[in-house]
């Protein structure tokens, strides 16, 4: 656990990681969504609407899924700012940024598949 005790400043990494996540996540989500829609969407409705189609609840289901993904990714993104700017916390900060990006990309894939 020596990496946790490294408290040298890493202000550049502390600033760049959340900002890069904010820019890269939508781009990767678009790429993932387009790829998933190209391979997996034989009809016009998202796959998550199959169960809700009988009750005509596709819009509500889609908004609920989008809301949860945005909430989870937003909380993770805010946690990136809450992690201190110590150099020893660079790895957890990067892993959290990758996880937040994955949540956004999975939203696009779920909507397209």
PDB file of N, CA and C in Angstrom:
ATOM      1  N   UNK A   1       0.821  -1.194   0.000  1.00  0.00           N
ATOM      2  CA  UNK A   1       0.000   0.000   0.000  1.00  0.00           C
ATOM      3  C   UNK A   1       0.862   1.254   0.000  1.00  0.00           C
ATOM      4  N   UNK A   2       2.051   1.119  -0.532  1.00  0.00           N
ATOM      5  CA  UNK A   2       2.947   2.256  -0.594  1.00  0.00           C
ATOM      6  C   UNK A   2       2.404   3.354  -1.506  1.00  0.00           C
ATOM      7  N   UNK A   3       1.637   2.955  -2.527  1.00  0.00           N
ATOM      8  CA  UNK A   3       1.111   3.940  -3.462  1.00  0.00           C
ATOM      9  C   UNK A   3       0.104   4.873  -2.799  1.00  0.00           C
ATOM     10  N   UNK A   4      -0.531   4.444  -1.721  1.00  0.00           N
ATOM     11  CA  UNK A   4      -1.469   5.309  -1.013  1.00  0.00           C
ATOM     12  C   UNK A   4      -0.768   6.385  -0.192  1.00  0.00           C
ATOM     13  N   UNK A   5       0.465   6.147   0.157  1.00  0.00           N
ATOM     14  CA  UNK A   5       1.182   7.110   0.991  1.00  0.00           C
ATOM     15  C   UNK A   5       1.913   8.168   0.177  1.00  0.00           C
ATOM     16  N   UNK A   6       1.923   8.042  -1.138  1.00  0.00           N
ATOM     17  CA  UNK A   6       2.584   9.039  -1.993  1.00  0.00           C
ATOM     18  C   UNK A   6       1.672  10.261  -2.098  1.00  0.00           C
ATOM     19  N   UNK A   7       2.004  11.295  -1.342  1.00  0.00           N
ATOM     20  CA  UNK A   7       1.147  12.482  -1.295  1.00  0.00           C
ATOM     21  C   UNK A   7       1.750  13.677  -2.030  1.00  0.00           C
ATOM     22  N   UNK A   8       2.579  13.378  -3.014  1.00  0.00           N
ATOM     23  CA  UNK A   8       3.060  14.477  -3.847  1.00  0.00           C
ATOM     24  C   UNK A   8       1.910  15.002  -4.691  1.00  0.00           C
ATOM     25  N   UNK A   9       2.027  16.239  -5.107  1.00  0.00           N
ATOM     26  CA  UNK A   9       0.955  16.861  -5.869  1.00  0.00           C
ATOM     27  C   UNK A   9       0.850  16.287  -7.275  1.00  0.00           C
ATOM     28  N   UNK A  10      -0.382  16.109  -7.716  1.00  0.00           N
ATOM     29  CA  UNK A  10      -0.680  15.692  -9.072  1.00  0.00           C
ATOM     30  C   UNK A  10      -1.876  16.499  -9.555  1.00  0.00           C
ATOM     31  N   UNK A  11      -1.744  17.813  -9.506  1.00  0.00           N
ATOM     32  CA  UNK A  11      -2.858  18.692  -9.847  1.00  0.00           C
ATOM     33  C   UNK A  11      -3.216  18.560 -11.326  1.00  0.00           C
ATOM     34  N   UNK A  12      -2.229  18.381 -12.185  1.00  0.00           N
ATOM     35  CA  UNK A  12      -2.519  18.228 -13.617  1.00  0.00           C
ATOM     36  C   UNK A  12      -3.357  16.978 -13.870  1.00  0.00           C
ATOM     37  N   UNK A  13      -2.985  15.869 -13.260  1.00  0.00           N
ATOM     38  CA  UNK A  13      -3.772  14.651 -13.409  1.00  0.00           C
ATOM     39  C   UNK A  13      -5.143  14.773 -12.780  1.00  0.00           C
ATOM     40  N   UNK A  14      -5.223  15.499 -11.668  1.00  0.00           N
ATOM     41  CA  UNK A  14      -6.489  15.706 -10.984  1.00  0.00           C
ATOM     42  C   UNK A  14      -7.440  16.525 -11.858  1.00  0.00           C
ATOM     43  N   UNK A  15      -6.920  17.460 -12.649  1.00  0.00           N
ATOM     44  CA  UNK A  15      -7.751  18.271 -13.537  1.00  0.00           C
ATOM     45  C   UNK A  15      -8.043  17.572 -14.862  1.00  0.00           C
ATOM     46  N   UNK A  16      -7.041  16.905 -15.421  1.00  0.00           N
ATOM     47  CA  UNK A  16      -7.181  16.316 -16.755  1.00  0.00           C
ATOM     48  C   UNK A  16      -8.103  15.101 -16.751  1.00  0.00           C
ATOM     49  N   UNK A  17      -8.032  14.276 -15.723  1.00  0.00           N
ATOM     50  CA  UNK A  17      -8.813  13.035 -15.713  1.00  0.00           C
ATOM     51  C   UNK A  17     -10.321  13.285 -15.811  1.00  0.00           C
ATOM     52  N   UNK A  18     -10.928  14.139 -14.985  1.00  0.00           N
ATOM     53  CA  UNK A  18     -12.371  14.371 -15.139  1.00  0.00           C
ATOM     54  C   UNK A  18     -12.724  15.084 -16.449  1.00  0.00           C
ATOM     55  N   UNK A  19     -11.882  16.017 -16.865  1.00  0.00           N
ATOM     56  CA  UNK A  19     -12.186  16.738 -18.101  1.00  0.00           C
ATOM     57  C   UNK A  19     -12.065  15.838 -19.322  1.00  0.00           C
ATOM     58  N   UNK A  20     -11.068  14.981 -19.334  1.00  0.00           N
ATOM     59  CA  UNK A  20     -10.924  14.030 -20.432  1.00  0.00           C
ATOM     60  C   UNK A  20     -12.069  13.023 -20.428  1.00  0.00           C
ATOM     61  N   UNK A  21     -12.511  12.627 -19.251  1.00  0.00           N
ATOM     62  CA  UNK A  21     -13.662  11.730 -19.149  1.00  0.00           C
ATOM     63  C   UNK A  21     -14.910  12.406 -19.699  1.00  0.00           C
ATOM     64  N   UNK A  22     -15.077  13.676 -19.398  1.00  0.00           N
ATOM     65  CA  UNK A  22     -16.237  14.416 -19.873  1.00  0.00           C
ATOM     66  C   UNK A  22     -16.228  14.543 -21.395  1.00  0.00           C
ATOM     67  N   UNK A  23     -15.058  14.586 -22.000  1.00  0.00           N
ATOM     68  CA  UNK A  23     -14.964  14.686 -23.455  1.00  0.00           C
ATOM     69  C   UNK A  23     -14.965  13.320 -24.137  1.00  0.00           C
ATOM     70  N   UNK A  24     -14.285  12.348 -23.556  1.00  0.00           N
ATOM     71  CA  UNK A  24     -14.118  11.053 -24.213  1.00  0.00           C
ATOM     72  C   UNK A  24     -15.346  10.161 -24.080  1.00  0.00           C
ATOM     73  N   UNK A  25     -16.061  10.235 -22.981  1.00  0.00           N
ATOM     74  CA  UNK A  25     -17.197   9.335 -22.758  1.00  0.00           C
ATOM     75  C   UNK A  25     -18.283   9.490 -23.828  1.00  0.00           C
ATOM     76  N   UNK A  26     -18.706  10.699 -24.188  1.00  0.00           N
ATOM     77  CA  UNK A  26     -19.722  10.803 -25.247  1.00  0.00           C
ATOM     78  C   UNK A  26     -19.223  10.325 -26.608  1.00  0.00           C
ATOM     79  N   UNK A  27     -17.959  10.569 -26.907  1.00  0.00           N
ATOM     80  CA  UNK A  27     -17.407  10.114 -28.190  1.00  0.00           C
ATOM     81  C   UNK A  27     -17.399   8.593 -28.247  1.00  0.00           C
ATOM     82  N   UNK A  28     -16.914   7.960 -27.185  1.00  0.00           N
ATOM     83  CA  UNK A  28     -16.897   6.500 -27.152  1.00  0.00           C
ATOM     84  C   UNK A  28     -18.313   5.927 -27.121  1.00  0.00           C
ATOM     85  N   UNK A  29     -19.246   6.626 -26.489  1.00  0.00           N
ATOM     86  CA  UNK A  29     -20.640   6.171 -26.478  1.00  0.00           C
ATOM     87  C   UNK A  29     -21.237   6.228 -27.878  1.00  0.00           C
ATOM     88  N   UNK A  30     -20.921   7.261 -28.626  1.00  0.00           N
ATOM     89  CA  UNK A  30     -21.407   7.341 -30.011  1.00  0.00           C
ATOM     90  C   UNK A  30     -20.833   6.210 -30.855  1.00  0.00           C
ATOM     91  N   UNK A  31     -19.562   5.954 -30.711  1.00  0.00           N
ATOM     92  CA  UNK A  31     -18.942   4.862 -31.459  1.00  0.00           C
ATOM     93  C   UNK A  31     -19.566   3.530 -31.065  1.00  0.00           C
ATOM     94  N   UNK A  32     -19.732   3.295 -29.770  1.00  0.00           N
ATOM     95  CA  UNK A  32     -20.347   2.052 -29.311  1.00  0.00           C
ATOM     96  C   UNK A  32     -21.798   1.925 -29.735  1.00  0.00           C
ATOM     97  N   UNK A  33     -22.535   3.013 -29.684  1.00  0.00           N
ATOM     98  CA  UNK A  33     -23.937   2.987 -30.090  1.00  0.00           C
ATOM     99  C   UNK A  33     -24.104   2.739 -31.573  1.00  0.00           C
ATOM    100  N   UNK A  34     -23.285   3.403 -32.384  1.00  0.00           N
ATOM    101  CA  UNK A  34     -23.356   3.176 -33.826  1.00  0.00           C
ATOM    102  C   UNK A  34     -22.961   1.747 -34.186  1.00  0.00           C
ATOM    103  N   UNK A  35     -21.939   1.243 -33.533  1.00  0.00           N
ATOM    104  CA  UNK A  35     -21.498  -0.125 -33.798  1.00  0.00           C
ATOM    105  C   UNK A  35     -22.580  -1.121 -33.391  1.00  0.00           C
ATOM    106  N   UNK A  36     -23.154  -0.921 -32.221  1.00  0.00           N
ATOM    107  CA  UNK A  36     -24.203  -1.838 -31.762  1.00  0.00           C
ATOM    108  C   UNK A  36     -25.435  -1.756 -32.644  1.00  0.00           C
ATOM    109  N   UNK A  37     -25.812  -0.564 -33.079  1.00  0.00           N
ATOM    110  CA  UNK A  37     -26.994  -0.444 -33.922  1.00  0.00           C
ATOM    111  C   UNK A  37     -26.751  -1.028 -35.306  1.00  0.00           C
ATOM    112  N   UNK A  38     -25.514  -0.985 -35.763  1.00  0.00           N
ATOM    113  CA  UNK A  38     -25.194  -1.563 -37.064  1.00  0.00           C
ATOM    114  C   UNK A  38     -25.301  -3.085 -37.036  1.00  0.00           C
ATOM    115  N   UNK A  39     -24.859  -3.688 -35.943  1.00  0.00           N
ATOM    116  CA  UNK A  39     -24.835  -5.142 -35.871  1.00  0.00           C
ATOM    117  C   UNK A  39     -26.089  -5.764 -35.272  1.00  0.00           C
ATOM    118  N   UNK A  40     -26.761  -5.069 -34.345  1.00  0.00           N
ATOM    119  CA  UNK A  40     -27.775  -5.733 -33.540  1.00  0.00           C
ATOM    120  C   UNK A  40     -29.201  -5.259 -33.737  1.00  0.00           C
ATOM    121  N   UNK A  41     -29.459  -4.209 -34.471  1.00  0.00           N
ATOM    122  CA  UNK A  41     -30.817  -3.677 -34.494  1.00  0.00           C
ATOM    123  C   UNK A  41     -31.528  -4.013 -35.809  1.00  0.00           C
ATOM    124  N   UNK A  42     -32.286  -5.110 -35.821  1.00  0.00           N
ATOM    125  CA  UNK A  42     -33.003  -5.460 -37.040  1.00  0.00           C
ATOM    126  C   UNK A  42     -34.299  -4.665 -37.219  1.00  0.00           C
ATOM    127  N   UNK A  43     -34.818  -4.082 -36.158  1.00  0.00           N
ATOM    128  CA  UNK A  43     -36.051  -3.304 -36.224  1.00  0.00           C
ATOM    129  C   UNK A  43     -35.818  -1.945 -35.595  1.00  0.00           C
ATOM    130  N   UNK A  44     -36.849  -1.101 -35.570  1.00  0.00           N
ATOM    131  CA  UNK A  44     -36.675   0.279 -35.160  1.00  0.00           C
ATOM    132  C   UNK A  44     -36.714   0.572 -33.676  1.00  0.00           C
ATOM    133  N   UNK A  45     -37.103  -0.382 -32.830  1.00  0.00           N
ATOM    134  CA  UNK A  45     -37.203  -0.102 -31.407  1.00  0.00           C
ATOM    135  C   UNK A  45     -36.025  -0.710 -30.654  1.00  0.00           C
ATOM    136  N   UNK A  46     -35.615  -0.089 -29.566  1.00  0.00           N
ATOM    137  CA  UNK A  46     -34.524  -0.659 -28.760  1.00  0.00           C
ATOM    138  C   UNK A  46     -34.929  -1.994 -28.144  1.00  0.00           C
ATOM    139  N   UNK A  47     -33.942  -2.828 -27.875  1.00  0.00           N
ATOM    140  CA  UNK A  47     -34.202  -4.133 -27.300  1.00  0.00           C
ATOM    141  C   UNK A  47     -34.801  -4.067 -25.912  1.00  0.00           C
ATOM    142  N   UNK A  48     -34.516  -3.009 -25.175  1.00  0.00           N
ATOM    143  CA  UNK A  48     -35.058  -2.917 -23.822  1.00  0.00           C
ATOM    144  C   UNK A  48     -36.544  -2.598 -23.825  1.00  0.00           C
ATOM    145  N   UNK A  49     -37.115  -2.276 -24.979  1.00  0.00           N
ATOM    146  CA  UNK A  49     -38.554  -1.981 -25.075  1.00  0.00           C
ATOM    147  C   UNK A  49     -39.391  -3.206 -25.409  1.00  0.00           C
ATOM    148  N   UNK A  50     -38.775  -4.351 -25.591  1.00  0.00           N
ATOM    149  CA  UNK A  50     -39.544  -5.534 -25.980  1.00  0.00           C
ATOM    150  C   UNK A  50     -40.569  -5.922 -24.920  1.00  0.00           C
ATOM    151  N   UNK A  51     -40.190  -5.863 -23.649  1.00  0.00           N
ATOM    152  CA  UNK A  51     -41.131  -6.210 -22.581  1.00  0.00           C
ATOM    153  C   UNK A  51     -42.193  -5.132 -22.383  1.00  0.00           C
ATOM    154  N   UNK A  52     -41.825  -3.884 -22.621  1.00  0.00           N
ATOM    155  CA  UNK A  52     -42.755  -2.777 -22.382  1.00  0.00           C
ATOM    156  C   UNK A  52     -43.622  -2.463 -23.591  1.00  0.00           C
ATOM    157  N   UNK A  53     -43.380  -3.124 -24.720  1.00  0.00           N
ATOM    158  CA  UNK A  53     -44.133  -2.812 -25.934  1.00  0.00           C
ATOM    159  C   UNK A  53     -45.607  -3.169 -25.801  1.00  0.00           C
ATOM    160  N   UNK A  54     -45.917  -4.212 -25.068  1.00  0.00           N
ATOM    161  CA  UNK A  54     -47.318  -4.623 -24.917  1.00  0.00           C
ATOM    162  C   UNK A  54     -48.151  -3.558 -24.208  1.00  0.00           C
ATOM    163  N   UNK A  55     -47.546  -2.850 -23.273  1.00  0.00           N
ATOM    164  CA  UNK A  55     -48.258  -1.810 -22.534  1.00  0.00           C
ATOM    165  C   UNK A  55     -48.017  -0.412 -23.100  1.00  0.00           C
ATOM    166  N   UNK A  56     -47.296  -0.326 -24.212  1.00  0.00           N
ATOM    167  CA  UNK A  56     -46.950   0.948 -24.844  1.00  0.00           C
ATOM    168  C   UNK A  56     -46.180   1.846 -23.866  1.00  0.00           C
ATOM    169  N   UNK A  57     -45.198   1.262 -23.182  1.00  0.00           N
ATOM    170  CA  UNK A  57     -44.407   1.971 -22.176  1.00  0.00           C
ATOM    171  C   UNK A  57     -42.940   2.109 -22.594  1.00  0.00           C
ATOM    172  N   UNK A  58     -42.672   2.108 -23.894  1.00  0.00           N
ATOM    173  CA  UNK A  58     -41.288   2.145 -24.356  1.00  0.00           C
ATOM    174  C   UNK A  58     -40.604   3.454 -23.957  1.00  0.00           C
ATOM    175  N   UNK A  59     -41.310   4.567 -24.076  1.00  0.00           N
ATOM    176  CA  UNK A  59     -40.716   5.861 -23.734  1.00  0.00           C
ATOM    177  C   UNK A  59     -40.355   5.921 -22.251  1.00  0.00           C
ATOM    178  N   UNK A  60     -41.242   5.464 -21.403  1.00  0.00           N
ATOM    179  CA  UNK A  60     -40.979   5.485 -19.966  1.00  0.00           C
ATOM    180  C   UNK A  60     -39.820   4.561 -19.602  1.00  0.00           C
ATOM    181  N   UNK A  61     -39.777   3.402 -20.223  1.00  0.00           N
ATOM    182  CA  UNK A  61     -38.696   2.456 -19.964  1.00  0.00           C
ATOM    183  C   UNK A  61     -37.359   3.037 -20.413  1.00  0.00           C
ATOM    184  N   UNK A  62     -37.359   3.638 -21.592  1.00  0.00           N
ATOM    185  CA  UNK A  62     -36.126   4.235 -22.114  1.00  0.00           C
ATOM    186  C   UNK A  62     -35.661   5.380 -21.223  1.00  0.00           C
ATOM    187  N   UNK A  63     -36.572   6.237 -20.812  1.00  0.00           N
ATOM    188  CA  UNK A  63     -36.189   7.361 -19.951  1.00  0.00           C
ATOM    189  C   UNK A  63     -35.695   6.886 -18.590  1.00  0.00           C
ATOM    190  N   UNK A  64     -36.288   5.816 -18.062  1.00  0.00           N
ATOM    191  CA  UNK A  64     -35.819   5.274 -16.789  1.00  0.00           C
ATOM    192  C   UNK A  64     -34.393   4.738 -16.910  1.00  0.00           C
ATOM    193  N   UNK A  65     -34.122   4.016 -17.978  1.00  0.00           N
ATOM    194  CA  UNK A  65     -32.770   3.470 -18.186  1.00  0.00           C
ATOM    195  C   UNK A  65     -31.771   4.600 -18.397  1.00  0.00           C
ATOM    196  N   UNK A  66     -32.129   5.581 -19.216  1.00  0.00           N
ATOM    197  CA  UNK A  66     -31.237   6.723 -19.447  1.00  0.00           C
ATOM    198  C   UNK A  66     -30.989   7.475 -18.146  1.00  0.00           C
ATOM    199  N   UNK A  67     -32.031   7.683 -17.370  1.00  0.00           N
ATOM    200  CA  UNK A  67     -31.882   8.396 -16.106  1.00  0.00           C
ATOM    201  C   UNK A  67     -30.943   7.699 -15.139  1.00  0.00           C
ATOM    202  N   UNK A  68     -31.081   6.375 -15.015  1.00  0.00           N
ATOM    203  CA  UNK A  68     -30.190   5.644 -14.115  1.00  0.00           C
ATOM    204  C   UNK A  68     -28.744   5.684 -14.588  1.00  0.00           C
ATOM    205  N   UNK A  69     -28.523   5.524 -15.873  1.00  0.00           N
ATOM    206  CA  UNK A  69     -27.154   5.562 -16.384  1.00  0.00           C
ATOM    207  C   UNK A  69     -26.539   6.951 -16.205  1.00  0.00           C
ATOM    208  N   UNK A  70     -27.314   7.976 -16.475  1.00  0.00           N
ATOM    209  CA  UNK A  70     -26.801   9.342 -16.307  1.00  0.00           C
ATOM    210  C   UNK A  70     -26.534   9.632 -14.832  1.00  0.00           C
ATOM    211  N   UNK A  71     -27.407   9.182 -13.948  1.00  0.00           N
ATOM    212  CA  UNK A  71     -27.196   9.396 -12.518  1.00  0.00           C
ATOM    213  C   UNK A  71     -25.928   8.693 -12.030  1.00  0.00           C
ATOM    214  N   UNK A  72     -25.766   7.440 -12.409  1.00  0.00           N
ATOM    215  CA  UNK A  72     -24.589   6.688 -11.965  1.00  0.00           C
ATOM    216  C   UNK A  72     -23.312   7.293 -12.537  1.00  0.00           C
ATOM    217  N   UNK A  73     -23.310   7.615 -13.827  1.00  0.00           N
ATOM    218  CA  UNK A  73     -22.117   8.213 -14.437  1.00  0.00           C
ATOM    219  C   UNK A  73     -21.838   9.596 -13.849  1.00  0.00           C
ATOM    220  N   UNK A  74     -22.880  10.360 -13.561  1.00  0.00           N
ATOM    221  CA  UNK A  74     -22.689  11.687 -12.965  1.00  0.00           C
ATOM    222  C   UNK A  74     -22.103  11.622 -11.574  1.00  0.00           C
ATOM    223  N   UNK A  75     -22.580  10.685 -10.767  1.00  0.00           N
ATOM    224  CA  UNK A  75     -22.030  10.526  -9.417  1.00  0.00           C
ATOM    225  C   UNK A  75     -20.574  10.087  -9.496  1.00  0.00           C
ATOM    226  N   UNK A  76     -20.282   9.164 -10.398  1.00  0.00           N
ATOM    227  CA  UNK A  76     -18.893   8.720 -10.548  1.00  0.00           C
ATOM    228  C   UNK A  76     -18.007   9.862 -11.018  1.00  0.00           C
ATOM    229  N   UNK A  77     -18.530  10.704 -11.910  1.00  0.00           N
ATOM    230  CA  UNK A  77     -17.750  11.834 -12.402  1.00  0.00           C
ATOM    231  C   UNK A  77     -17.506  12.853 -11.289  1.00  0.00           C
ATOM    232  N   UNK A  78     -18.508  13.083 -10.452  1.00  0.00           N
ATOM    233  CA  UNK A  78     -18.313  13.996  -9.325  1.00  0.00           C
ATOM    234  C   UNK A  78     -17.321  13.427  -8.310  1.00  0.00           C
ATOM    235  N   UNK A  79     -17.310  12.100  -8.154  1.00  0.00           N
ATOM    236  CA  UNK A  79     -16.326  11.483  -7.266  1.00  0.00           C
ATOM    237  C   UNK A  79     -14.903  11.671  -7.774  1.00  0.00           C
ATOM    238  N   UNK A  80     -14.740  11.825  -9.087  1.00  0.00           N
ATOM    239  CA  UNK A  80     -13.404  12.101  -9.619  1.00  0.00           C
ATOM    240  C   UNK A  80     -12.851  13.410  -9.054  1.00  0.00           C
ATOM    241  N   UNK A  81     -13.725  14.383  -8.863  1.00  0.00           N
ATOM    242  CA  UNK A  81     -13.283  15.652  -8.289  1.00  0.00           C
ATOM    243  C   UNK A  81     -13.069  15.537  -6.778  1.00  0.00           C
ATOM    244  N   UNK A  82     -13.752  14.593  -6.140  1.00  0.00           N
ATOM    245  CA  UNK A  82     -13.644  14.452  -4.691  1.00  0.00           C
ATOM    246  C   UNK A  82     -12.372  13.713  -4.268  1.00  0.00           C
ATOM    247  N   UNK A  83     -11.804  12.916  -5.157  1.00  0.00           N
ATOM    248  CA  UNK A  83     -10.562  12.211  -4.820  1.00  0.00           C
ATOM    249  C   UNK A  83      -9.443  13.245  -4.723  1.00  0.00           C
ATOM    250  N   UNK A  84      -8.665  13.235  -3.651  1.00  0.00           N
ATOM    251  CA  UNK A  84      -7.593  14.226  -3.506  1.00  0.00           C
ATOM    252  C   UNK A  84      -6.573  14.161  -4.648  1.00  0.00           C
ATOM    253  N   UNK A  85      -5.808  15.213  -4.806  1.00  0.00           N
ATOM    254  CA  UNK A  85      -4.880  15.349  -5.920  1.00  0.00           C
ATOM    255  C   UNK A  85      -3.521  14.732  -5.631  1.00  0.00           C
ATOM    256  N   UNK A  86      -3.457  13.729  -4.798  1.00  0.00           N
ATOM    257  CA  UNK A  86      -2.197  13.073  -4.501  1.00  0.00           C
ATOM    258  C   UNK A  86      -1.804  12.152  -5.649  1.00  0.00           C
ATOM    259  N   UNK A  87      -0.523  12.066  -5.877  1.00  0.00           N
ATOM    260  CA  UNK A  87      -0.012  11.226  -6.946  1.00  0.00           C
ATOM    261  C   UNK A  87      -0.300   9.748  -6.690  1.00  0.00           C
ATOM    262  N   UNK A  88      -0.349   9.338  -5.456  1.00  0.00           N
ATOM    263  CA  UNK A  88      -0.624   7.951  -5.127  1.00  0.00           C
ATOM    264  C   UNK A  88      -2.045   7.514  -5.463  1.00  0.00           C
ATOM    265  N   UNK A  89      -2.948   8.467  -5.650  1.00  0.00           N
ATOM    266  CA  UNK A  89      -4.340   8.149  -5.976  1.00  0.00           C
ATOM    267  C   UNK A  89      -4.624   8.244  -7.471  1.00  0.00           C
ATOM    268  N   UNK A  90      -3.579   8.287  -8.275  1.00  0.00           N
ATOM    269  CA  UNK A  90      -3.760   8.383  -9.722  1.00  0.00           C
ATOM    270  C   UNK A  90      -4.437   7.128 -10.283  1.00  0.00           C
ATOM    271  N   UNK A  91      -4.033   5.960  -9.807  1.00  0.00           N
ATOM    272  CA  UNK A  91      -4.623   4.706 -10.315  1.00  0.00           C
ATOM    273  C   UNK A  91      -6.104   4.584  -9.960  1.00  0.00           C
ATOM    274  N   UNK A  92      -6.513   4.804  -8.712  1.00  0.00           N
ATOM    275  CA  UNK A  92      -7.959   4.745  -8.440  1.00  0.00           C
ATOM    276  C   UNK A  92      -8.752   5.798  -9.211  1.00  0.00           C
ATOM    277  N   UNK A  93      -8.169   6.973  -9.403  1.00  0.00           N
ATOM    278  CA  UNK A  93      -8.838   8.028 -10.159  1.00  0.00           C
ATOM    279  C   UNK A  93      -9.030   7.596 -11.614  1.00  0.00           C
ATOM    280  N   UNK A  94      -8.021   6.991 -12.198  1.00  0.00           N
ATOM    281  CA  UNK A  94      -8.119   6.522 -13.579  1.00  0.00           C
ATOM    282  C   UNK A  94      -9.126   5.386 -13.710  1.00  0.00           C
ATOM    283  N   UNK A  95      -9.123   4.460 -12.755  1.00  0.00           N
ATOM    284  CA  UNK A  95     -10.087   3.357 -12.794  1.00  0.00           C
ATOM    285  C   UNK A  95     -11.521   3.866 -12.657  1.00  0.00           C
ATOM    286  N   UNK A  96     -11.732   4.866 -11.819  1.00  0.00           N
ATOM    287  CA  UNK A  96     -13.063   5.447 -11.675  1.00  0.00           C
ATOM    288  C   UNK A  96     -13.484   6.161 -12.958  1.00  0.00           C
ATOM    289  N   UNK A  97     -12.543   6.823 -13.621  1.00  0.00           N
ATOM    290  CA  UNK A  97     -12.844   7.480 -14.895  1.00  0.00           C
ATOM    291  C   UNK A  97     -13.209   6.457 -15.964  1.00  0.00           C
ATOM    292  N   UNK A  98     -12.497   5.350 -16.001  1.00  0.00           N
ATOM    293  CA  UNK A  98     -12.811   4.295 -16.969  1.00  0.00           C
ATOM    294  C   UNK A  98     -14.182   3.694 -16.661  1.00  0.00           C
ATOM    295  N   UNK A  99     -14.497   3.505 -15.398  1.00  0.00           N
ATOM    296  CA  UNK A  99     -15.800   2.953 -15.021  1.00  0.00           C
ATOM    297  C   UNK A  99     -16.934   3.917 -15.397  1.00  0.00           C
ATOM    298  N   UNK A 100     -16.734   5.210 -15.183  1.00  0.00           N
ATOM    299  CA  UNK A 100     -17.760   6.195 -15.555  1.00  0.00           C
ATOM    300  C   UNK A 100     -17.956   6.226 -17.066  1.00  0.00           C
ATOM    301  N   UNK A 101     -16.876   6.111 -17.803  1.00  0.00           N
ATOM    302  CA  UNK A 101     -16.971   6.058 -19.264  1.00  0.00           C
ATOM    303  C   UNK A 101     -17.702   4.792 -19.700  1.00  0.00           C
ATOM    304  N   UNK A 102     -17.425   3.682 -19.035  1.00  0.00           N
ATOM    305  CA  UNK A 102     -18.082   2.422 -19.383  1.00  0.00           C
ATOM    306  C   UNK A 102     -19.588   2.495 -19.143  1.00  0.00           C
ATOM    307  N   UNK A 103     -20.013   3.191 -18.106  1.00  0.00           N
ATOM    308  CA  UNK A 103     -21.446   3.338 -17.833  1.00  0.00           C
ATOM    309  C   UNK A 103     -22.124   4.098 -18.967  1.00  0.00           C
ATOM    310  N   UNK A 104     -21.473   5.137 -19.465  1.00  0.00           N
ATOM    311  CA  UNK A 104     -22.046   5.920 -20.561  1.00  0.00           C
ATOM    312  C   UNK A 104     -22.066   5.107 -21.860  1.00  0.00           C
ATOM    313  N   UNK A 105     -20.983   4.367 -22.120  1.00  0.00           N
ATOM    314  CA  UNK A 105     -20.935   3.552 -23.330  1.00  0.00           C
ATOM    315  C   UNK A 105     -21.976   2.436 -23.265  1.00  0.00           C
ATOM    316  N   UNK A 106     -22.153   1.825 -22.108  1.00  0.00           N
ATOM    317  CA  UNK A 106     -23.155   0.768 -21.979  1.00  0.00           C
ATOM    318  C   UNK A 106     -24.567   1.303 -22.163  1.00  0.00           C
ATOM    319  N   UNK A 107     -24.809   2.555 -21.826  1.00  0.00           N
ATOM    320  CA  UNK A 107     -26.107   3.145 -22.092  1.00  0.00           C
ATOM    321  C   UNK A 107     -26.367   3.177 -23.587  1.00  0.00           C
ATOM    322  N   UNK A 108     -25.393   3.630 -24.346  1.00  0.00           N
ATOM    323  CA  UNK A 108     -25.573   3.686 -25.799  1.00  0.00           C
ATOM    324  C   UNK A 108     -25.754   2.303 -26.391  1.00  0.00           C
ATOM    325  N   UNK A 109     -25.014   1.350 -25.894  1.00  0.00           N
ATOM    326  CA  UNK A 109     -25.135  -0.018 -26.406  1.00  0.00           C
ATOM    327  C   UNK A 109     -26.497  -0.605 -26.043  1.00  0.00           C
ATOM    328  N   UNK A 110     -26.975  -0.362 -24.837  1.00  0.00           N
ATOM    329  CA  UNK A 110     -28.289  -0.869 -24.433  1.00  0.00           C
ATOM    330  C   UNK A 110     -29.405  -0.254 -25.262  1.00  0.00           C
ATOM    331  N   UNK A 111     -29.273   1.017 -25.594  1.00  0.00           N
ATOM    332  CA  UNK A 111     -30.300   1.659 -26.388  1.00  0.00           C
ATOM    333  C   UNK A 111     -30.269   1.197 -27.847  1.00  0.00           C
ATOM    334  N   UNK A 112     -29.096   0.852 -28.328  1.00  0.00           N
ATOM    335  CA  UNK A 112     -28.980   0.461 -29.732  1.00  0.00           C
ATOM    336  C   UNK A 112     -29.247  -1.020 -29.938  1.00  0.00           C
ATOM    337  N   UNK A 113     -28.982  -1.818 -28.938  1.00  0.00           N
ATOM    338  CA  UNK A 113     -29.116  -3.280 -29.114  1.00  0.00           C
ATOM    339  C   UNK A 113     -30.555  -3.730 -28.971  1.00  0.00           C
TER     340      UNK A 113
END
